């Protein structure tokens, strides 16, 4: 689904996979339904840049990181 909330949740999950594991973009892509690794790279970079611009998103991601560690 391309619904905004689902897309954002998926992008955050991709970001967390990259930050909290040693998986490569292609390996993460496999885990997310065989998506292209460039799609995964885009999602990661999008959340990374949005964290700098959006305080609420940054706090939410930080809380998830703390819970997952």
PDB file of N, CA and C in Angstrom:
ATOM      1  N   UNK A   1       0.837  -1.182   0.000  1.00  0.00           N
ATOM      2  CA  UNK A   1       0.000   0.000   0.000  1.00  0.00           C
ATOM      3  C   UNK A   1       0.881   1.244   0.000  1.00  0.00           C
ATOM      4  N   UNK A   2       0.423   2.246  -0.671  1.00  0.00           N
ATOM      5  CA  UNK A   2       1.180   3.497  -0.719  1.00  0.00           C
ATOM      6  C   UNK A   2       0.586   4.544   0.213  1.00  0.00           C
ATOM      7  N   UNK A   3      -0.288   4.110   1.088  1.00  0.00           N
ATOM      8  CA  UNK A   3      -0.859   5.032   2.056  1.00  0.00           C
ATOM      9  C   UNK A   3       0.272   5.658   2.869  1.00  0.00           C
ATOM     10  N   UNK A   4       0.168   6.949   3.134  1.00  0.00           N
ATOM     11  CA  UNK A   4       1.251   7.694   3.772  1.00  0.00           C
ATOM     12  C   UNK A   4       1.715   7.079   5.090  1.00  0.00           C
ATOM     13  N   UNK A   5       0.797   6.715   5.951  1.00  0.00           N
ATOM     14  CA  UNK A   5       1.175   6.157   7.256  1.00  0.00           C
ATOM     15  C   UNK A   5       1.925   4.834   7.097  1.00  0.00           C
ATOM     16  N   UNK A   6       1.488   4.020   6.163  1.00  0.00           N
ATOM     17  CA  UNK A   6       2.143   2.735   5.937  1.00  0.00           C
ATOM     18  C   UNK A   6       3.523   2.946   5.333  1.00  0.00           C
ATOM     19  N   UNK A   7       3.628   3.873   4.400  1.00  0.00           N
ATOM     20  CA  UNK A   7       4.929   4.174   3.800  1.00  0.00           C
ATOM     21  C   UNK A   7       5.915   4.670   4.842  1.00  0.00           C
ATOM     22  N   UNK A   8       5.461   5.585   5.692  1.00  0.00           N
ATOM     23  CA  UNK A   8       6.364   6.116   6.716  1.00  0.00           C
ATOM     24  C   UNK A   8       6.797   5.020   7.671  1.00  0.00           C
ATOM     25  N   UNK A   9       5.864   4.175   8.090  1.00  0.00           N
ATOM     26  CA  UNK A   9       6.214   3.080   8.999  1.00  0.00           C
ATOM     27  C   UNK A   9       7.229   2.142   8.349  1.00  0.00           C
ATOM     28  N   UNK A  10       7.024   1.825   7.079  1.00  0.00           N
ATOM     29  CA  UNK A  10       7.958   0.954   6.359  1.00  0.00           C
ATOM     30  C   UNK A  10       9.328   1.610   6.260  1.00  0.00           C
ATOM     31  N   UNK A  11       9.359   2.905   5.948  1.00  0.00           N
ATOM     32  CA  UNK A  11      10.631   3.608   5.831  1.00  0.00           C
ATOM     33  C   UNK A  11      11.364   3.661   7.164  1.00  0.00           C
ATOM     34  N   UNK A  12      10.636   3.861   8.255  1.00  0.00           N
ATOM     35  CA  UNK A  12      11.261   3.861   9.578  1.00  0.00           C
ATOM     36  C   UNK A  12      11.811   2.466   9.880  1.00  0.00           C
ATOM     37  N   UNK A  13      11.060   1.435   9.548  1.00  0.00           N
ATOM     38  CA  UNK A  13      11.531   0.061   9.775  1.00  0.00           C
ATOM     39  C   UNK A  13      12.805  -0.206   8.983  1.00  0.00           C
ATOM     40  N   UNK A  14      12.856   0.253   7.758  1.00  0.00           N
ATOM     41  CA  UNK A  14      14.056   0.097   6.932  1.00  0.00           C
ATOM     42  C   UNK A  14      15.223   0.854   7.560  1.00  0.00           C
ATOM     43  N   UNK A  15      14.966   2.066   7.999  1.00  0.00           N
ATOM     44  CA  UNK A  15      16.008   2.870   8.649  1.00  0.00           C
ATOM     45  C   UNK A  15      16.557   2.141   9.871  1.00  0.00           C
ATOM     46  N   UNK A  16      15.658   1.596  10.687  1.00  0.00           N
ATOM     47  CA  UNK A  16      16.076   0.889  11.894  1.00  0.00           C
ATOM     48  C   UNK A  16      16.872  -0.372  11.557  1.00  0.00           C
ATOM     49  N   UNK A  17      16.464  -1.076  10.529  1.00  0.00           N
ATOM     50  CA  UNK A  17      17.216  -2.269  10.104  1.00  0.00           C
ATOM     51  C   UNK A  17      18.647  -1.895   9.744  1.00  0.00           C
ATOM     52  N   UNK A  18      18.798  -0.814   9.045  1.00  0.00           N
ATOM     53  CA  UNK A  18      20.133  -0.393   8.620  1.00  0.00           C
ATOM     54  C   UNK A  18      20.975   0.095   9.799  1.00  0.00           C
ATOM     55  N   UNK A  19      20.342   0.839  10.711  1.00  0.00           N
ATOM     56  CA  UNK A  19      21.062   1.395  11.853  1.00  0.00           C
ATOM     57  C   UNK A  19      21.404   0.352  12.913  1.00  0.00           C
ATOM     58  N   UNK A  20      20.523  -0.623  13.109  1.00  0.00           N
ATOM     59  CA  UNK A  20      20.683  -1.544  14.233  1.00  0.00           C
ATOM     60  C   UNK A  20      21.247  -2.911  13.851  1.00  0.00           C
ATOM     61  N   UNK A  21      21.461  -3.142  12.572  1.00  0.00           N
ATOM     62  CA  UNK A  21      22.025  -4.412  12.133  1.00  0.00           C
ATOM     63  C   UNK A  21      23.204  -4.140  11.211  1.00  0.00           C
ATOM     64  N   UNK A  22      23.869  -5.197  10.828  1.00  0.00           N
ATOM     65  CA  UNK A  22      24.961  -5.042   9.867  1.00  0.00           C
ATOM     66  C   UNK A  22      24.536  -5.502   8.474  1.00  0.00           C
ATOM     67  N   UNK A  23      23.224  -5.545   8.243  1.00  0.00           N
ATOM     68  CA  UNK A  23      22.715  -5.982   6.941  1.00  0.00           C
ATOM     69  C   UNK A  23      22.978  -4.936   5.868  1.00  0.00           C
ATOM     70  N   UNK A  24      23.287  -5.405   4.675  1.00  0.00           N
ATOM     71  CA  UNK A  24      23.489  -4.524   3.534  1.00  0.00           C
ATOM     72  C   UNK A  24      22.129  -4.097   2.979  1.00  0.00           C
ATOM     73  N   UNK A  25      22.133  -3.081   2.127  1.00  0.00           N
ATOM     74  CA  UNK A  25      20.890  -2.645   1.495  1.00  0.00           C
ATOM     75  C   UNK A  25      20.230  -3.778   0.700  1.00  0.00           C
ATOM     76  N   UNK A  26      20.991  -4.553  -0.084  1.00  0.00           N
ATOM     77  CA  UNK A  26      20.352  -5.667  -0.802  1.00  0.00           C
ATOM     78  C   UNK A  26      19.722  -6.711   0.134  1.00  0.00           C
ATOM     79  N   UNK A  27      20.371  -6.994   1.267  1.00  0.00           N
ATOM     80  CA  UNK A  27      19.814  -7.966   2.214  1.00  0.00           C
ATOM     81  C   UNK A  27      18.536  -7.429   2.860  1.00  0.00           C
ATOM     82  N   UNK A  28      18.530  -6.141   3.186  1.00  0.00           N
ATOM     83  CA  UNK A  28      17.323  -5.532   3.745  1.00  0.00           C
ATOM     84  C   UNK A  28      16.214  -5.562   2.696  1.00  0.00           C
ATOM     85  N   UNK A  29      16.569  -5.300   1.454  1.00  0.00           N
ATOM     86  CA  UNK A  29      15.586  -5.316   0.367  1.00  0.00           C
ATOM     87  C   UNK A  29      14.915  -6.683   0.249  1.00  0.00           C
ATOM     88  N   UNK A  30      15.698  -7.741   0.407  1.00  0.00           N
ATOM     89  CA  UNK A  30      15.134  -9.096   0.375  1.00  0.00           C
ATOM     90  C   UNK A  30      14.088  -9.273   1.469  1.00  0.00           C
ATOM     91  N   UNK A  31      14.384  -8.763   2.653  1.00  0.00           N
ATOM     92  CA  UNK A  31      13.488  -8.920   3.795  1.00  0.00           C
ATOM     93  C   UNK A  31      12.211  -8.092   3.660  1.00  0.00           C
ATOM     94  N   UNK A  32      12.248  -7.074   2.834  1.00  0.00           N
ATOM     95  CA  UNK A  32      11.078  -6.230   2.609  1.00  0.00           C
ATOM     96  C   UNK A  32      10.411  -6.554   1.269  1.00  0.00           C
ATOM     97  N   UNK A  33      10.226  -7.824   1.048  1.00  0.00           N
ATOM     98  CA  UNK A  33       9.449  -8.268  -0.103  1.00  0.00           C
ATOM     99  C   UNK A  33      10.175  -8.232  -1.427  1.00  0.00           C
ATOM    100  N   UNK A  34      11.492  -8.288  -1.390  1.00  0.00           N
ATOM    101  CA  UNK A  34      12.249  -8.329  -2.634  1.00  0.00           C
ATOM    102  C   UNK A  34      12.314  -7.007  -3.367  1.00  0.00           C
ATOM    103  N   UNK A  35      12.178  -5.925  -2.635  1.00  0.00           N
ATOM    104  CA  UNK A  35      12.284  -4.611  -3.259  1.00  0.00           C
ATOM    105  C   UNK A  35      13.701  -4.413  -3.798  1.00  0.00           C
ATOM    106  N   UNK A  36      13.837  -3.459  -4.679  1.00  0.00           N
ATOM    107  CA  UNK A  36      15.141  -3.105  -5.223  1.00  0.00           C
ATOM    108  C   UNK A  36      15.960  -2.412  -4.140  1.00  0.00           C
ATOM    109  N   UNK A  37      17.268  -2.652  -4.100  1.00  0.00           N
ATOM    110  CA  UNK A  37      18.097  -2.052  -3.052  1.00  0.00           C
ATOM    111  C   UNK A  37      18.104  -0.531  -3.129  1.00  0.00           C
ATOM    112  N   UNK A  38      17.898   0.036  -4.313  1.00  0.00           N
ATOM    113  CA  UNK A  38      17.867   1.493  -4.426  1.00  0.00           C
ATOM    114  C   UNK A  38      16.629   2.071  -3.733  1.00  0.00           C
ATOM    115  N   UNK A  39      15.543   1.332  -3.702  1.00  0.00           N
ATOM    116  CA  UNK A  39      14.344   1.741  -2.976  1.00  0.00           C
ATOM    117  C   UNK A  39      14.643   1.783  -1.479  1.00  0.00           C
ATOM    118  N   UNK A  40      15.389   0.807  -1.016  1.00  0.00           N
ATOM    119  CA  UNK A  40      15.772   0.733   0.388  1.00  0.00           C
ATOM    120  C   UNK A  40      16.710   1.884   0.737  1.00  0.00           C
ATOM    121  N   UNK A  41      17.640   2.173  -0.138  1.00  0.00           N
ATOM    122  CA  UNK A  41      18.558   3.291   0.081  1.00  0.00           C
ATOM    123  C   UNK A  41      17.794   4.609   0.151  1.00  0.00           C
ATOM    124  N   UNK A  42      16.829   4.781  -0.724  1.00  0.00           N
ATOM    125  CA  UNK A  42      16.020   6.001  -0.732  1.00  0.00           C
ATOM    126  C   UNK A  42      15.244   6.141   0.581  1.00  0.00           C
ATOM    127  N   UNK A  43      14.626   5.054   1.040  1.00  0.00           N
ATOM    128  CA  UNK A  43      13.862   5.084   2.293  1.00  0.00           C
ATOM    129  C   UNK A  43      14.768   5.446   3.462  1.00  0.00           C
ATOM    130  N   UNK A  44      15.944   4.844   3.511  1.00  0.00           N
ATOM    131  CA  UNK A  44      16.899   5.117   4.583  1.00  0.00           C
ATOM    132  C   UNK A  44      17.300   6.591   4.576  1.00  0.00           C
ATOM    133  N   UNK A  45      17.677   7.105   3.429  1.00  0.00           N
ATOM    134  CA  UNK A  45      18.118   8.496   3.321  1.00  0.00           C
ATOM    135  C   UNK A  45      16.976   9.464   3.627  1.00  0.00           C
ATOM    136  N   UNK A  46      15.772   9.095   3.238  1.00  0.00           N
ATOM    137  CA  UNK A  46      14.610   9.965   3.486  1.00  0.00           C
ATOM    138  C   UNK A  46      14.373  10.121   4.986  1.00  0.00           C
ATOM    139  N   UNK A  47      14.382   9.021   5.726  1.00  0.00           N
ATOM    140  CA  UNK A  47      14.171   9.102   7.172  1.00  0.00           C
ATOM    141  C   UNK A  47      15.349   9.805   7.836  1.00  0.00           C
ATOM    142  N   UNK A  48      16.547   9.522   7.376  1.00  0.00           N
ATOM    143  CA  UNK A  48      17.732  10.174   7.933  1.00  0.00           C
ATOM    144  C   UNK A  48      17.625  11.694   7.815  1.00  0.00           C
ATOM    145  N   UNK A  49      17.224  12.185   6.667  1.00  0.00           N
ATOM    146  CA  UNK A  49      17.112  13.635   6.471  1.00  0.00           C
ATOM    147  C   UNK A  49      15.890  14.204   7.198  1.00  0.00           C
ATOM    148  N   UNK A  50      14.784  13.458   7.220  1.00  0.00           N
ATOM    149  CA  UNK A  50      13.588  13.943   7.913  1.00  0.00           C
ATOM    150  C   UNK A  50      13.805  14.018   9.418  1.00  0.00           C
ATOM    151  N   UNK A  51      14.638  13.143   9.968  1.00  0.00           N
ATOM    152  CA  UNK A  51      14.942  13.196  11.405  1.00  0.00           C
ATOM    153  C   UNK A  51      15.582  14.521  11.768  1.00  0.00           C
ATOM    154  N   UNK A  52      16.386  15.064  10.886  1.00  0.00           N
ATOM    155  CA  UNK A  52      17.049  16.342  11.143  1.00  0.00           C
ATOM    156  C   UNK A  52      16.064  17.503  11.085  1.00  0.00           C
ATOM    157  N   UNK A  53      15.023  17.367  10.269  1.00  0.00           N
ATOM    158  CA  UNK A  53      14.088  18.462  10.052  1.00  0.00           C
ATOM    159  C   UNK A  53      12.834  18.383  10.923  1.00  0.00           C
ATOM    160  N   UNK A  54      12.476  17.183  11.369  1.00  0.00           N
ATOM    161  CA  UNK A  54      11.216  16.995  12.097  1.00  0.00           C
ATOM    162  C   UNK A  54      11.498  16.427  13.489  1.00  0.00           C
ATOM    163  N   UNK A  55      11.344  17.274  14.485  1.00  0.00           N
ATOM    164  CA  UNK A  55      11.650  16.892  15.866  1.00  0.00           C
ATOM    165  C   UNK A  55      10.790  15.717  16.324  1.00  0.00           C
ATOM    166  N   UNK A  56       9.501  15.724  15.989  1.00  0.00           N
ATOM    167  CA  UNK A  56       8.612  14.643  16.418  1.00  0.00           C
ATOM    168  C   UNK A  56       9.058  13.292  15.859  1.00  0.00           C
ATOM    169  N   UNK A  57       9.411  13.275  14.594  1.00  0.00           N
ATOM    170  CA  UNK A  57       9.876  12.031  13.980  1.00  0.00           C
ATOM    171  C   UNK A  57      11.183  11.583  14.621  1.00  0.00           C
ATOM    172  N   UNK A  58      12.081  12.518  14.854  1.00  0.00           N
ATOM    173  CA  UNK A  58      13.358  12.185  15.483  1.00  0.00           C
ATOM    174  C   UNK A  58      13.141  11.558  16.860  1.00  0.00           C
ATOM    175  N   UNK A  59      12.249  12.137  17.648  1.00  0.00           N
ATOM    176  CA  UNK A  59      11.973  11.602  18.982  1.00  0.00           C
ATOM    177  C   UNK A  59      11.353  10.215  18.899  1.00  0.00           C
ATOM    178  N   UNK A  60      10.433  10.022  17.964  1.00  0.00           N
ATOM    179  CA  UNK A  60       9.780   8.718  17.808  1.00  0.00           C
ATOM    180  C   UNK A  60      10.801   7.642  17.412  1.00  0.00           C
ATOM    181  N   UNK A  61      11.681   7.968  16.496  1.00  0.00           N
ATOM    182  CA  UNK A  61      12.700   7.010  16.064  1.00  0.00           C
ATOM    183  C   UNK A  61      13.652   6.716  17.219  1.00  0.00           C
ATOM    184  N   UNK A  62      14.043   7.736  17.960  1.00  0.00           N
ATOM    185  CA  UNK A  62      14.947   7.537  19.098  1.00  0.00           C
ATOM    186  C   UNK A  62      14.312   6.629  20.148  1.00  0.00           C
ATOM    187  N   UNK A  63      13.023   6.798  20.412  1.00  0.00           N
ATOM    188  CA  UNK A  63      12.320   5.926  21.362  1.00  0.00           C
ATOM    189  C   UNK A  63      12.316   4.479  20.881  1.00  0.00           C
ATOM    190  N   UNK A  64      12.093   4.283  19.594  1.00  0.00           N
ATOM    191  CA  UNK A  64      12.117   2.924  19.030  1.00  0.00           C
ATOM    192  C   UNK A  64      13.509   2.300  19.170  1.00  0.00           C
ATOM    193  N   UNK A  65      14.535   3.095  18.888  1.00  0.00           N
ATOM    194  CA  UNK A  65      15.905   2.586  19.010  1.00  0.00           C
ATOM    195  C   UNK A  65      16.179   2.158  20.447  1.00  0.00           C
ATOM    196  N   UNK A  66      15.785   2.972  21.396  1.00  0.00           N
ATOM    197  CA  UNK A  66      16.006   2.637  22.814  1.00  0.00           C
ATOM    198  C   UNK A  66      15.247   1.364  23.212  1.00  0.00           C
ATOM    199  N   UNK A  67      14.032   1.224  22.742  1.00  0.00           N
ATOM    200  CA  UNK A  67      13.249   0.022  23.064  1.00  0.00           C
ATOM    201  C   UNK A  67      13.842  -1.235  22.424  1.00  0.00           C
ATOM    202  N   UNK A  68      14.377  -1.095  21.223  1.00  0.00           N
ATOM    203  CA  UNK A  68      14.912  -2.244  20.508  1.00  0.00           C
ATOM    204  C   UNK A  68      16.283  -2.667  21.021  1.00  0.00           C
ATOM    205  N   UNK A  69      17.014  -1.753  21.591  1.00  0.00           N
ATOM    206  CA  UNK A  69      18.333  -2.099  22.133  1.00  0.00           C
ATOM    207  C   UNK A  69      18.124  -2.695  23.464  1.00  0.00           C
TER     208      UNK A  69
END
